[in-house]
Amino acid sequence: MLAKIWKKVCIAILIFACLFNVVSKLVHRVSFNKEVLSSAQYMYKQYKYENEKNVIK
């Protein structure tokens, strides 16, 4: 009897942890616009560096 109760408690904790993980990722995700902007800035810096130093990839 005690094993069935612990099994239900553990499953409830597992479900709660999974839901908390999903919700926290949805709340703290980076917006698509910010991701694209940072990627474009990085690529532009690399382009400038390669042109200044004449580095061939």
C-alpha atoms as a PDB file:
ATOM      1  CA  MET A   1       0.000   0.000   0.000  1.00  0.00           C
ATOM      2  CA  LEU A   2       2.806   2.397   0.934  1.00  0.00           C
ATOM      3  CA  ALA A   3       4.627   1.663  -2.331  1.00  0.00           C
ATOM      4  CA  LYS A   4       1.574   2.698  -4.381  1.00  0.00           C
ATOM      5  CA  ILE A   5       1.353   6.000  -2.501  1.00  0.00           C
ATOM      6  CA  TRP A   6       5.049   6.752  -3.059  1.00  0.00           C
ATOM      7  CA  LYS A   7       4.719   5.862  -6.723  1.00  0.00           C
ATOM      8  CA  LYS A   8       1.860   8.354  -7.130  1.00  0.00           C
ATOM      9  CA  VAL A   9       3.785  11.023  -5.224  1.00  0.00           C
ATOM     10  CA  CYS A  10       6.876  10.529  -7.388  1.00  0.00           C
ATOM     11  CA  ILE A  11       4.841  10.671 -10.588  1.00  0.00           C
ATOM     12  CA  ALA A  12       3.153  13.883  -9.406  1.00  0.00           C
ATOM     13  CA  ILE A  13       6.555  15.436  -8.620  1.00  0.00           C
ATOM     14  CA  LEU A  14       7.870  14.375 -12.025  1.00  0.00           C
ATOM     15  CA  ILE A  15       4.878  15.886 -13.856  1.00  0.00           C
ATOM     16  CA  PHE A  16       5.190  19.115 -11.849  1.00  0.00           C
ATOM     17  CA  ALA A  17       8.931  19.359 -12.612  1.00  0.00           C
ATOM     18  CA  CYS A  18       8.341  18.848 -16.342  1.00  0.00           C
ATOM     19  CA  LEU A  19       5.592  21.468 -16.451  1.00  0.00           C
ATOM     20  CA  PHE A  20       7.761  23.920 -14.498  1.00  0.00           C
ATOM     21  CA  ASN A  21      10.640  23.344 -16.927  1.00  0.00           C
ATOM     22  CA  VAL A  22       8.471  23.965 -19.995  1.00  0.00           C
ATOM     23  CA  VAL A  23       6.863  27.090 -18.553  1.00  0.00           C
ATOM     24  CA  SER A  24      10.205  28.569 -17.476  1.00  0.00           C
ATOM     25  CA  LYS A  25      11.646  28.013 -20.956  1.00  0.00           C
ATOM     26  CA  LEU A  26       8.644  29.712 -22.555  1.00  0.00           C
ATOM     27  CA  VAL A  27       8.901  32.703 -20.235  1.00  0.00           C
ATOM     28  CA  HIS A  28      12.672  33.201 -20.568  1.00  0.00           C
ATOM     29  CA  ARG A  29      13.147  32.486 -24.248  1.00  0.00           C
ATOM     30  CA  VAL A  30      14.956  34.956 -26.497  1.00  0.00           C
ATOM     31  CA  SER A  31      12.770  36.568 -29.117  1.00  0.00           C
ATOM     32  CA  PHE A  32      13.398  35.735 -32.765  1.00  0.00           C
ATOM     33  CA  ASN A  33      14.149  39.366 -33.628  1.00  0.00           C
ATOM     34  CA  LYS A  34      16.888  39.609 -30.991  1.00  0.00           C
ATOM     35  CA  GLU A  35      18.405  36.330 -32.152  1.00  0.00           C
ATOM     36  CA  VAL A  36      18.481  37.455 -35.804  1.00  0.00           C
ATOM     37  CA  LEU A  37      19.908  40.868 -34.893  1.00  0.00           C
ATOM     38  CA  SER A  38      22.725  39.411 -32.790  1.00  0.00           C
ATOM     39  CA  SER A  39      23.533  36.900 -35.527  1.00  0.00           C
ATOM     40  CA  ALA A  40      23.685  39.642 -38.170  1.00  0.00           C
ATOM     41  CA  GLN A  41      25.939  41.777 -35.961  1.00  0.00           C
ATOM     42  CA  TYR A  42      28.296  38.847 -35.424  1.00  0.00           C
ATOM     43  CA  MET A  43      28.460  38.095 -39.145  1.00  0.00           C
ATOM     44  CA  TYR A  44      29.128  41.770 -39.938  1.00  0.00           C
ATOM     45  CA  LYS A  45      31.993  41.899 -37.417  1.00  0.00           C
ATOM     46  CA  GLN A  46      33.505  38.746 -38.923  1.00  0.00           C
ATOM     47  CA  TYR A  47      33.169  40.223 -42.427  1.00  0.00           C
ATOM     48  CA  LYS A  48      34.920  43.441 -41.357  1.00  0.00           C
ATOM     49  CA  TYR A  49      37.686  41.503 -39.615  1.00  0.00           C
ATOM     50  CA  GLU A  50      38.335  39.329 -42.654  1.00  0.00           C
ATOM     51  CA  ASN A  51      38.458  42.320 -44.993  1.00  0.00           C
ATOM     52  CA  GLU A  52      40.789  44.291 -42.696  1.00  0.00           C
ATOM     53  CA  LYS A  53      43.226  41.447 -42.122  1.00  0.00           C
ATOM     54  CA  ASN A  54      42.887  39.898 -45.614  1.00  0.00           C
ATOM     55  CA  VAL A  55      42.111  36.559 -44.056  1.00  0.00           C
ATOM     56  CA  ILE A  56      41.002  33.889 -46.501  1.00  0.00           C
ATOM     57  CA  LYS A  57      38.663  31.216 -45.213  1.00  0.00           C
END
